[in-house]
Amino acid sequence: MKKNQKSQIRYPRDAAGNEMQLGELYSNTVQVSATNFEVEIRHLLVDSEGMVKGGTNIRMSPDAAAGLANILNRQIAEVVE
């Protein structure tokens, strides 16, 4: 999606016509790596002994990562005030 492009994101529908739901993952540990071409965020669920119980990687373009960073910075600024 291009910068400043306003478009409605649409989700596919199942056979009954219901909008498909996204999966959900809880994480208590996050690792981030970045290059000039992409940002990777690794969300992990780690137990008290350091064993990974689940997780997923999210890879995104630098533009998408910049948008996420802007949102997070605004949220943090509101909490700090």
C-alpha atoms as a PDB file:
ATOM      1  CA  MET A   1       0.000   0.000   0.000  1.00  0.00           C
ATOM      2  CA  LYS A   2       1.412   3.385  -0.966  1.00  0.00           C
ATOM      3  CA  LYS A   3       2.100   6.132   1.544  1.00  0.00           C
ATOM      4  CA  ASN A   4      -0.893   8.417   2.183  1.00  0.00           C
ATOM      5  CA  GLN A   5      -3.107   6.051   0.197  1.00  0.00           C
ATOM      6  CA  LYS A   6      -6.442   5.602   1.902  1.00  0.00           C
ATOM      7  CA  SER A   7      -8.026   2.296   1.064  1.00  0.00           C
ATOM      8  CA  GLN A   8     -10.308  -0.088   2.861  1.00  0.00           C
ATOM      9  CA  ILE A   9      -8.616  -3.331   3.806  1.00  0.00           C
ATOM     10  CA  ARG A  10     -10.922  -6.233   3.008  1.00  0.00           C
ATOM     11  CA  TYR A  11     -10.847  -9.734   4.428  1.00  0.00           C
ATOM     12  CA  PRO A  12     -12.060 -12.844   2.604  1.00  0.00           C
ATOM     13  CA  ARG A  13     -15.322 -14.459   3.602  1.00  0.00           C
ATOM     14  CA  ASP A  14     -16.000 -18.100   4.419  1.00  0.00           C
ATOM     15  CA  ALA A  15     -18.678 -20.244   2.755  1.00  0.00           C
ATOM     16  CA  ALA A  16     -21.336 -18.870   5.135  1.00  0.00           C
ATOM     17  CA  GLY A  17     -20.425 -15.281   4.220  1.00  0.00           C
ATOM     18  CA  ASN A  18     -18.711 -14.478   7.532  1.00  0.00           C
ATOM     19  CA  GLU A  19     -15.564 -12.366   7.468  1.00  0.00           C
ATOM     20  CA  MET A  20     -12.574 -14.583   8.244  1.00  0.00           C
ATOM     21  CA  GLN A  21     -10.911 -13.874  11.589  1.00  0.00           C
ATOM     22  CA  LEU A  22      -7.185 -13.437  12.131  1.00  0.00           C
ATOM     23  CA  GLY A  23      -5.274 -15.698  14.486  1.00  0.00           C
ATOM     24  CA  GLU A  24      -4.031 -14.293  17.762  1.00  0.00           C
ATOM     25  CA  LEU A  25      -0.745 -14.791  19.616  1.00  0.00           C
ATOM     26  CA  TYR A  26       0.267 -13.600  23.077  1.00  0.00           C
ATOM     27  CA  SER A  27       3.959 -12.843  23.551  1.00  0.00           C
ATOM     28  CA  ASN A  28       6.053 -11.808  26.532  1.00  0.00           C
ATOM     29  CA  THR A  29       9.330 -11.387  24.643  1.00  0.00           C
ATOM     30  CA  VAL A  30      10.049  -9.425  21.469  1.00  0.00           C
ATOM     31  CA  GLN A  31      13.207  -9.425  19.352  1.00  0.00           C
ATOM     32  CA  VAL A  32      13.670  -6.935  16.507  1.00  0.00           C
ATOM     33  CA  SER A  33      16.126  -6.993  13.615  1.00  0.00           C
ATOM     34  CA  ALA A  34      16.266  -4.636  10.652  1.00  0.00           C
ATOM     35  CA  THR A  35      17.988  -4.147   7.325  1.00  0.00           C
ATOM     36  CA  ASN A  36      17.548  -1.463   4.683  1.00  0.00           C
ATOM     37  CA  PHE A  37      14.960  -3.696   3.039  1.00  0.00           C
ATOM     38  CA  GLU A  38      12.826  -5.093   5.870  1.00  0.00           C
ATOM     39  CA  VAL A  39      12.130  -5.151   9.589  1.00  0.00           C
ATOM     40  CA  GLU A  40      11.557  -8.448  11.372  1.00  0.00           C
ATOM     41  CA  ILE A  41       9.792  -8.611  14.728  1.00  0.00           C
ATOM     42  CA  ARG A  42       9.968 -11.984  16.469  1.00  0.00           C
ATOM     43  CA  HIS A  43       7.207 -12.409  19.060  1.00  0.00           C
ATOM     44  CA  LEU A  44       7.933 -15.223  21.515  1.00  0.00           C
ATOM     45  CA  LEU A  45       6.146 -16.775  24.470  1.00  0.00           C
ATOM     46  CA  VAL A  46       8.919 -17.790  26.865  1.00  0.00           C
ATOM     47  CA  ASP A  47       8.424 -19.635  30.174  1.00  0.00           C
ATOM     48  CA  SER A  48      10.227 -18.845  33.442  1.00  0.00           C
ATOM     49  CA  GLU A  49      13.029 -21.263  32.547  1.00  0.00           C
ATOM     50  CA  GLY A  50      13.741 -19.522  29.236  1.00  0.00           C
ATOM     51  CA  MET A  51      12.106 -22.195  27.073  1.00  0.00           C
ATOM     52  CA  VAL A  52      10.233 -20.876  24.034  1.00  0.00           C
ATOM     53  CA  LYS A  53       6.659 -22.204  24.108  1.00  0.00           C
ATOM     54  CA  GLY A  54       5.409 -20.497  20.950  1.00  0.00           C
ATOM     55  CA  GLY A  55       6.024 -17.611  18.649  1.00  0.00           C
ATOM     56  CA  THR A  56       5.882 -16.078  15.231  1.00  0.00           C
ATOM     57  CA  ASN A  57       7.880 -13.728  13.022  1.00  0.00           C
ATOM     58  CA  ILE A  58       6.401 -10.607  11.490  1.00  0.00           C
ATOM     59  CA  ARG A  59       8.291  -9.202   8.532  1.00  0.00           C
ATOM     60  CA  MET A  60       7.416  -5.806   7.092  1.00  0.00           C
ATOM     61  CA  SER A  61       8.678  -3.154   4.736  1.00  0.00           C
ATOM     62  CA  PRO A  62      10.550  -0.149   6.139  1.00  0.00           C
ATOM     63  CA  ASP A  63       7.520   2.045   5.280  1.00  0.00           C
ATOM     64  CA  ALA A  64       5.173  -0.206   7.256  1.00  0.00           C
ATOM     65  CA  ALA A  65       7.657  -0.296  10.157  1.00  0.00           C
ATOM     66  CA  ALA A  66       7.877   3.520  10.131  1.00  0.00           C
ATOM     67  CA  GLY A  67       4.092   3.726  10.350  1.00  0.00           C
ATOM     68  CA  LEU A  68       4.100   1.303  13.295  1.00  0.00           C
ATOM     69  CA  ALA A  69       6.873   3.293  14.996  1.00  0.00           C
ATOM     70  CA  ASN A  70       4.835   6.501  14.655  1.00  0.00           C
ATOM     71  CA  ILE A  71       1.803   4.876  16.263  1.00  0.00           C
ATOM     72  CA  LEU A  72       3.881   3.431  19.112  1.00  0.00           C
ATOM     73  CA  ASN A  73       5.645   6.758  19.726  1.00  0.00           C
ATOM     74  CA  ARG A  74       2.288   8.569  20.001  1.00  0.00           C
ATOM     75  CA  GLN A  75       0.965   5.922  22.407  1.00  0.00           C
ATOM     76  CA  ILE A  76       4.094   6.131  24.584  1.00  0.00           C
ATOM     77  CA  ALA A  77       3.944   9.946  24.615  1.00  0.00           C
ATOM     78  CA  GLU A  78       0.338   9.803  25.857  1.00  0.00           C
ATOM     79  CA  VAL A  79       1.259   7.404  28.667  1.00  0.00           C
ATOM     80  CA  VAL A  80       4.265   9.499  29.766  1.00  0.00           C
ATOM     81  CA  GLU A  81       2.301  12.766  29.924  1.00  0.00           C
END
